[in-house]
Amino acid sequence: MTRNVLVIGLGLIGGSIALALQKAPQTRVYGYDAFTQTRVMAKTLNVVHEVVDHPQEVTEKVDFIIFGTPVNATIDWMEKLKTWTLKDTVIITDTGSTKSLIMEKAEELLAEGITFIGGHPMAGSHKSGVTAAKPHLFENAYYMLTPHEKEDECAIERLEDLLKYTHSKIVKVDAKEHDHMTAVVSHFPHIIAASLVHQLYQENAQFPMTSSLAAGGFRDITRIASSNPLLWRDITVQNRQELIGQLDQWLREMDAVKSLLEGGDVSLIEQYFAMAKEVRDELPISAGAFFTSFDLYVDVPDYPGVISELTGYLADENISITNIRIVEAREDIFGILVISFQNAEDRERAATCISRKASFETYIS
C-alpha cells in the first residue's frame, strides 16, 4: 500500500526532506510551495514525485503533511488546515526552529482530533532555496521531535518510521526544553555574531583598516551573521524570553571577564582560556546537532596554478568539494587555502591525497 506524503514549503529544508523521503519504499511525495517559480523548479529538479497547485488537491489521501515553512507561516497553515478534508489517521508535523508557539497552536488541532507532532531537523547550509536541496542534508544530524506529552506512541512510531529515511538521529524532547537548548547553542550565538559585526562597523569608522584585518577568528565566529535577517528576526522574536535569559547570563559572564582583566592576574586569565579550550575540545562537533562544514586548511605557497593543481589531484581521486576559498590574512588560521567537503571521510581522503601528491601541510581546525 502506497504511503502518501505532502510537503508544504519547498525551500532548502522542505525540498531536502522531500528528496530524502523519495528513498522510502512505497512512498509517493507530493509538494506545494506558495511561489510559482519554486513549484516549477521543484518539478524540473524532481524534488517531489508530483507538484500540486494547492494542498487541498491531495489532502484527502495523504498520510503525512510536513510543513517546511518558517514558524509564522506554519502557524497560518495550521489554522487553514482546520477546514481541509483530512484522513482520520493523518499525521501533521513541521520543521520550525522554535517549538513552543507551534505546540501551543497544535493544542487547537488536538482538540479537533488532528495529530500534530512538532519536528526540527537540526541541519542547514549556507545556501537556500529549492535548488540547494539535497537528499543527504540531514544525514547524522539530530532530528528533534516534540510530541504532546500524551501523544499516541503508535503515531510517533509511524512518523519515525517515515523520517528514518533522512538518516538523521531522531530524538524526542519537550518543546520548552527544545527552545531552551537551541537558544543556548544556536539562537544566542547569532546575536553575539551580529553584535561583533556591529562593533567592527563602529570601530571601522575611526580605524578604517580594521575590517581589512578581520580574518581568522573574527571571520569564523561571525560567519553566521551572514544568515537571512528575516529568518533570524522571526526566530529572535519567537524565542525572545529564552534569549533574554541567555543575554542576562552573558552579561554576568562579561562582568566576570572584565573583573578578571582589571585584576590582571595572569594565572587566572590563563585558567579562563584553558577551561574554555578544554570544554570546546570535548564538544562532539563532527557528530553534533548543527550543520558542520568539513574544512581542510592547506598551507600552500603562492605561485600561479597552485589551486588548479590541488583541485586536479582531488578530481583524479574522485573527491568532491563543496567550497574553496583563499584567506588573505594568516592570523589565527592554519593555512591560506580552505577547502570544504561534504563529510569527514572526503576531508580525510583529501588530506592524504594532497600530502602524498603535493607535499603541502594540511590541518583540520
Protein backbone atom coordinates (compact mmCIF):
# COMPACT_ATOMS: atom_id res chain seq x y z
CA MET A 1 0.00 0.00 0.00
CA THR A 2 1.38 3.39 -1.00
CA ARG A 3 2.22 5.89 1.73
CA ASN A 4 1.39 9.44 0.58
CA VAL A 5 3.29 12.46 1.88
CA LEU A 6 2.64 16.15 1.24
CA VAL A 7 5.47 18.63 1.82
CA ILE A 8 4.34 22.25 2.03
CA GLY A 9 7.22 24.68 1.54
CA LEU A 10 9.90 23.50 -0.88
CA GLY A 11 12.91 25.52 0.18
CA LEU A 12 16.19 24.07 1.43
CA ILE A 13 14.64 22.14 4.33
CA GLY A 14 11.34 21.09 2.78
CA GLY A 15 13.00 20.22 -0.51
CA SER A 16 15.69 18.16 1.19
CA ILE A 17 13.12 16.22 3.20
CA ALA A 18 11.12 15.56 0.02
CA LEU A 19 14.22 14.24 -1.74
CA ALA A 20 15.17 12.06 1.21
CA LEU A 21 11.68 10.57 1.53
CA GLN A 22 11.70 9.56 -2.12
CA LYS A 23 14.11 6.83 -1.00
CA ALA A 24 11.39 5.30 1.17
CA PRO A 25 9.70 2.24 -0.39
CA GLN A 26 6.08 2.52 -1.50
CA THR A 27 6.05 6.24 -0.72
CA ARG A 28 4.78 8.99 -3.00
CA VAL A 29 5.83 12.54 -2.22
CA TYR A 30 3.66 15.50 -3.26
CA GLY A 31 4.89 19.07 -2.96
CA TYR A 32 3.48 22.58 -2.75
CA ASP A 33 5.09 25.99 -2.44
CA ALA A 34 3.46 29.40 -2.35
CA PHE A 35 5.82 30.66 -5.06
CA THR A 36 5.02 29.54 -8.59
CA GLN A 37 8.67 29.68 -9.64
CA THR A 38 9.64 27.36 -6.79
CA ARG A 39 6.95 24.87 -7.81
CA VAL A 40 8.27 24.94 -11.39
CA MET A 41 11.84 24.40 -10.19
CA ALA A 42 10.76 21.59 -7.85
CA LYS A 43 9.09 19.82 -10.77
CA THR A 44 12.05 20.37 -13.08
CA LEU A 45 14.54 19.08 -10.49
CA ASN A 46 12.31 16.15 -9.46
CA VAL A 47 12.39 17.29 -5.85
CA VAL A 48 8.98 15.61 -5.41
CA HIS A 49 7.11 12.98 -7.36
CA GLU A 50 4.31 15.43 -8.11
CA VAL A 51 3.81 19.17 -7.64
CA VAL A 52 0.34 20.46 -6.78
CA ASP A 53 -1.04 23.97 -7.23
CA HIS A 54 -2.88 23.83 -3.91
CA PRO A 55 -2.53 21.48 -0.93
CA GLN A 56 -6.26 20.66 -0.91
CA GLU A 57 -5.82 18.80 -4.18
CA VAL A 58 -4.33 15.87 -2.25
CA THR A 59 -5.13 16.34 1.46
CA GLU A 60 -7.91 13.75 1.35
CA LYS A 61 -5.45 10.99 0.52
CA VAL A 62 -2.16 11.92 2.21
CA ASP A 63 -0.94 10.08 5.31
CA PHE A 64 1.56 12.76 6.35
CA ILE A 65 1.74 16.53 5.94
CA ILE A 66 5.12 18.16 6.56
CA PHE A 67 5.42 21.93 6.81
CA GLY A 68 8.82 23.07 5.52
CA THR A 69 7.88 26.69 6.20
CA PRO A 70 9.00 29.34 8.74
CA VAL A 71 7.23 29.20 12.10
CA ASN A 72 4.88 32.14 11.46
CA ALA A 73 3.81 30.73 8.11
CA THR A 74 3.37 27.27 9.64
CA ILE A 75 1.01 28.67 12.27
CA ASP A 76 -1.06 30.25 9.49
CA TRP A 77 -1.16 26.93 7.62
CA MET A 78 -2.19 25.10 10.80
CA GLU A 79 -5.18 27.40 11.04
CA LYS A 80 -6.11 26.81 7.40
CA LEU A 81 -5.93 23.03 7.59
CA LYS A 82 -8.77 23.01 10.13
CA THR A 83 -11.09 23.46 7.15
CA TRP A 84 -9.43 20.83 4.96
CA THR A 85 -10.72 17.33 4.39
CA LEU A 86 -8.14 15.06 6.00
CA LYS A 87 -7.73 11.36 6.61
CA ASP A 88 -8.57 10.38 10.19
CA THR A 89 -5.08 8.87 10.56
CA VAL A 90 -3.12 11.74 9.03
CA ILE A 91 -0.05 12.94 10.95
CA ILE A 92 0.97 16.60 10.69
CA THR A 93 4.50 17.78 11.51
CA ASP A 94 6.72 20.80 10.90
CA THR A 95 10.40 21.72 10.65
CA GLY A 96 10.45 25.01 12.58
CA SER A 97 13.44 26.25 14.62
CA THR A 98 11.27 27.11 17.63
CA LYS A 99 8.66 24.80 19.05
CA SER A 100 6.70 26.39 21.91
CA LEU A 101 4.46 28.57 19.71
CA ILE A 102 3.92 25.71 17.28
CA MET A 103 2.92 23.27 20.02
CA GLU A 104 0.56 25.83 21.56
CA LYS A 105 -1.19 26.07 18.20
CA ALA A 106 -1.16 22.29 17.97
CA GLU A 107 -3.44 22.16 21.03
CA GLU A 108 -6.20 23.55 18.82
CA LEU A 109 -5.67 20.76 16.29
CA LEU A 110 -5.60 18.15 19.04
CA ALA A 111 -9.00 19.38 20.22
CA GLU A 112 -10.31 18.62 16.71
CA GLY A 113 -8.82 15.15 16.68
CA ILE A 114 -5.89 16.02 14.40
CA THR A 115 -2.48 14.55 15.28
CA PHE A 116 0.37 17.07 15.24
CA ILE A 117 3.93 16.16 16.23
CA GLY A 118 6.43 19.01 16.25
CA GLY A 119 9.70 18.50 14.41
CA HIS A 120 13.00 20.24 13.87
CA PRO A 121 15.74 18.74 11.67
CA MET A 122 18.85 20.45 13.01
CA ALA A 123 20.85 20.85 9.84
CA GLY A 124 21.24 23.51 7.23
CA SER A 125 23.50 25.11 4.69
CA HIS A 126 24.93 28.46 3.72
CA LYS A 127 22.75 28.18 0.61
CA SER A 128 18.96 28.45 0.48
CA GLY A 129 16.05 27.67 -1.80
CA VAL A 130 14.88 24.57 -3.63
CA THR A 131 17.97 24.46 -5.85
CA ALA A 132 20.12 23.92 -2.73
CA ALA A 133 18.05 20.95 -1.53
CA LYS A 134 19.97 17.70 -1.04
CA PRO A 135 18.69 14.23 -0.08
CA HIS A 136 21.62 13.76 2.33
CA LEU A 137 21.30 17.12 4.11
CA PHE A 138 20.11 15.55 7.38
CA GLU A 139 22.43 12.55 7.49
CA ASN A 140 23.82 12.10 11.03
CA ALA A 141 22.20 15.37 12.20
CA TYR A 142 19.77 15.41 15.10
CA TYR A 143 16.11 15.46 14.16
CA MET A 144 14.16 16.70 17.20
CA LEU A 145 10.54 15.64 17.68
CA THR A 146 8.34 17.45 20.22
CA PRO A 147 5.15 15.40 20.61
CA HIS A 148 2.48 16.22 23.14
CA GLU A 149 3.03 14.54 26.48
CA LYS A 150 0.07 12.20 25.94
CA GLU A 151 0.64 11.62 22.22
CA ASP A 152 -0.17 8.14 20.95
CA GLU A 153 3.10 6.18 20.73
CA CYS A 154 1.88 4.46 17.58
CA ALA A 155 1.61 7.83 15.83
CA ILE A 156 5.13 8.78 16.92
CA GLU A 157 6.46 5.44 15.68
CA ARG A 158 4.74 5.95 12.32
CA LEU A 159 6.40 9.33 11.91
CA GLU A 160 9.78 7.97 12.99
CA ASP A 161 9.41 5.12 10.50
CA LEU A 162 8.99 7.69 7.73
CA LEU A 163 11.72 10.06 8.87
CA LYS A 164 14.31 7.31 9.24
CA TYR A 165 14.92 7.70 5.51
CA THR A 166 16.53 11.08 6.23
CA HIS A 167 19.25 9.05 8.03
CA SER A 168 19.15 11.53 10.89
CA LYS A 169 19.33 10.89 14.62
CA ILE A 170 15.72 11.12 15.80
CA VAL A 171 15.22 12.17 19.43
CA LYS A 172 12.14 13.24 21.43
CA VAL A 173 12.21 16.28 23.72
CA ASP A 174 9.76 18.66 25.35
CA ALA A 175 9.03 21.80 23.29
CA LYS A 176 10.18 24.21 26.01
CA GLU A 177 13.31 22.17 26.59
CA HIS A 178 13.98 22.28 22.86
CA ASP A 179 13.65 26.08 22.75
CA HIS A 180 15.98 26.50 25.72
CA MET A 181 18.70 24.26 24.26
CA THR A 182 18.54 25.82 20.81
CA ALA A 183 18.67 29.29 22.38
CA VAL A 184 21.95 28.33 24.05
CA VAL A 185 23.73 26.71 21.11
CA SER A 186 22.11 28.34 18.06
CA HIS A 187 19.91 31.38 18.54
CA PHE A 188 22.02 33.29 21.07
CA PRO A 189 25.29 32.80 19.15
CA HIS A 190 23.63 34.55 16.20
CA ILE A 191 23.02 37.58 18.40
CA ILE A 192 26.64 37.54 19.57
CA ALA A 193 27.91 37.26 16.00
CA ALA A 194 25.71 40.17 14.89
CA SER A 195 26.87 42.29 17.83
CA LEU A 196 30.54 41.69 16.98
CA VAL A 197 29.92 42.79 13.40
CA HIS A 198 28.14 45.91 14.66
CA GLN A 199 31.14 46.66 16.89
CA LEU A 200 33.52 46.23 13.94
CA TYR A 201 31.38 48.62 11.88
CA GLN A 202 31.64 51.27 14.60
CA GLU A 203 35.39 50.79 15.06
CA ASN A 204 36.00 50.91 11.33
CA ALA A 205 34.71 54.47 11.17
CA GLN A 206 37.71 55.59 13.22
CA PHE A 207 40.21 52.93 12.15
CA PRO A 208 39.38 52.07 8.50
CA MET A 209 41.98 49.32 8.28
CA THR A 210 40.22 47.27 10.94
CA SER A 211 37.89 45.49 8.52
CA SER A 212 40.86 44.50 6.36
CA LEU A 213 42.33 42.65 9.32
CA ALA A 214 39.08 40.82 10.08
CA ALA A 215 40.25 37.31 9.27
CA GLY A 216 40.86 34.10 11.18
CA GLY A 217 38.95 34.05 14.45
CA PHE A 218 36.75 37.03 13.65
CA ARG A 219 35.72 35.56 10.31
CA ASP A 220 34.84 32.18 11.82
CA ILE A 221 32.97 33.46 14.86
CA THR A 222 30.89 35.91 12.81
CA ARG A 223 30.15 33.67 9.80
CA ILE A 224 26.57 33.11 10.97
CA ALA A 225 25.93 36.86 10.98
CA SER A 226 25.54 36.49 7.19
CA SER A 227 22.37 34.43 7.67
CA ASN A 228 18.95 35.57 6.42
CA PRO A 229 17.96 38.59 8.58
CA LEU A 230 14.21 37.97 8.14
CA LEU A 231 14.58 34.39 9.35
CA TRP A 232 16.56 35.45 12.40
CA ARG A 233 14.22 38.33 13.13
CA ASP A 234 11.39 35.81 13.47
CA ILE A 235 13.42 33.28 15.48
CA THR A 236 14.57 36.01 17.87
CA VAL A 237 11.02 37.27 18.44
CA GLN A 238 9.59 33.76 18.80
CA ASN A 239 12.21 32.70 21.35
CA ARG A 240 12.82 36.08 22.96
CA GLN A 241 12.18 35.02 26.58
CA GLU A 242 14.83 32.32 26.39
CA LEU A 243 17.16 34.75 24.64
CA ILE A 244 16.66 37.43 27.29
CA GLY A 245 17.65 34.85 29.90
CA GLN A 246 20.76 33.94 27.91
CA LEU A 247 21.63 37.62 27.49
CA ASP A 248 21.37 38.22 31.26
CA GLN A 249 23.71 35.27 31.83
CA TRP A 250 26.10 36.53 29.15
CA LEU A 251 26.25 39.99 30.75
CA ARG A 252 27.14 38.40 34.08
CA GLU A 253 29.88 36.42 32.35
CA MET A 254 31.24 39.57 30.69
CA ASP A 255 31.26 41.38 34.04
CA ALA A 256 33.31 38.49 35.43
CA VAL A 257 35.74 38.72 32.49
CA LYS A 258 36.03 42.48 32.99
CA SER A 259 36.90 41.95 36.66
CA LEU A 260 39.44 39.32 35.63
CA LEU A 261 41.14 41.77 33.28
CA GLU A 262 41.06 44.59 35.81
CA GLY A 263 42.72 42.29 38.35
CA GLY A 264 45.49 41.44 35.90
CA ASP A 265 46.24 38.04 37.46
CA VAL A 266 47.96 36.19 34.60
CA SER A 267 47.36 32.80 36.21
CA LEU A 268 43.59 33.33 36.47
CA ILE A 269 43.41 34.69 32.93
CA GLU A 270 45.26 31.64 31.63
CA GLN A 271 42.90 29.36 33.58
CA TYR A 272 39.90 31.09 32.00
CA PHE A 273 41.14 30.36 28.47
CA ALA A 274 42.35 26.88 29.42
CA MET A 275 38.92 25.89 30.74
CA ALA A 276 37.26 27.25 27.60
CA LYS A 277 39.67 25.25 25.44
CA GLU A 278 39.04 22.06 27.40
CA VAL A 279 35.25 22.37 27.14
CA ARG A 280 35.38 23.34 23.45
CA ASP A 281 37.72 20.49 22.55
CA GLU A 282 35.34 17.96 24.12
CA LEU A 283 32.30 19.10 22.10
CA PRO A 284 31.06 16.47 19.60
CA ILE A 285 31.47 18.86 16.67
CA SER A 286 31.69 16.25 13.92
CA ALA A 287 28.55 14.50 15.19
CA GLY A 288 26.77 17.44 16.74
CA ALA A 289 23.32 18.79 16.18
CA PHE A 290 24.12 21.51 13.69
CA PHE A 291 25.49 21.86 10.21
CA THR A 292 29.25 21.40 10.14
CA SER A 293 31.33 22.32 7.12
CA PHE A 294 34.22 19.90 6.87
CA ASP A 295 37.05 22.33 6.23
CA LEU A 296 40.60 21.40 5.35
CA TYR A 297 43.27 24.09 5.68
CA VAL A 298 46.15 23.76 3.23
CA ASP A 299 49.38 25.70 3.73
CA VAL A 300 50.19 26.43 0.09
CA PRO A 301 52.87 28.65 -1.39
CA ASP A 302 51.73 31.49 -3.61
CA TYR A 303 52.51 30.63 -7.22
CA PRO A 304 50.37 30.60 -10.41
CA GLY A 305 48.32 27.45 -10.90
CA VAL A 306 48.62 26.07 -7.37
CA ILE A 307 44.82 25.92 -6.84
CA SER A 308 44.13 24.17 -10.14
CA GLU A 309 46.96 21.79 -9.30
CA LEU A 310 45.36 20.82 -6.00
CA THR A 311 41.83 20.53 -7.35
CA GLY A 312 43.20 18.40 -10.17
CA TYR A 313 44.68 15.97 -7.65
CA LEU A 314 41.30 15.75 -5.89
CA ALA A 315 39.48 15.22 -9.17
CA ASP A 316 41.83 12.35 -10.03
CA GLU A 317 40.78 10.70 -6.75
CA ASN A 318 37.05 11.43 -7.37
CA ILE A 319 36.88 13.57 -4.23
CA SER A 320 34.09 16.15 -4.42
CA ILE A 321 34.48 19.58 -2.83
CA THR A 322 31.64 21.91 -1.76
CA ASN A 323 33.56 25.16 -1.46
CA ILE A 324 37.02 26.63 -1.79
CA ARG A 325 38.34 29.96 -0.61
CA ILE A 326 41.58 31.86 -0.17
CA VAL A 327 42.25 33.58 3.14
CA GLU A 328 44.27 36.72 2.64
CA ALA A 329 45.43 37.03 6.23
CA ARG A 330 47.05 34.30 8.30
CA GLU A 331 46.01 35.47 11.74
CA ASP A 332 44.76 32.58 13.86
CA ILE A 333 44.49 30.13 10.95
CA PHE A 334 46.46 27.11 9.77
CA GLY A 335 46.66 27.67 6.03
CA ILE A 336 45.81 30.23 3.42
CA LEU A 337 43.67 27.85 1.28
CA VAL A 338 40.48 26.42 2.79
CA ILE A 339 38.70 23.55 1.02
CA SER A 340 35.29 22.35 2.26
CA PHE A 341 33.87 18.86 1.86
CA GLN A 342 30.52 17.15 2.38
CA ASN A 343 31.75 14.77 5.07
CA ALA A 344 34.73 13.89 7.26
CA GLU A 345 35.66 10.88 5.11
CA ASP A 346 36.14 13.03 1.99
CA ARG A 347 38.17 15.54 4.00
CA GLU A 348 40.46 12.79 5.31
CA ARG A 349 40.92 11.34 1.82
CA ALA A 350 41.72 14.81 0.51
CA ALA A 351 44.32 15.44 3.22
CA THR A 352 46.03 12.15 2.39
CA CYS A 353 45.90 12.88 -1.33
CA ILE A 354 47.36 16.41 -1.00
CA SER A 355 50.09 15.31 1.40
CA ARG A 356 51.08 12.45 -0.90
CA LYS A 357 50.96 14.24 -4.25
CA ALA A 358 51.86 17.83 -3.36
CA SER A 359 53.67 17.55 -0.02
CA PHE A 360 51.74 20.55 1.32
CA GLU A 361 50.89 20.59 5.00
CA THR A 362 47.20 20.18 5.81
CA TYR A 363 45.32 20.93 9.01
CA ILE A 364 41.85 20.39 10.43
CA SER A 365 40.54 23.22 12.60
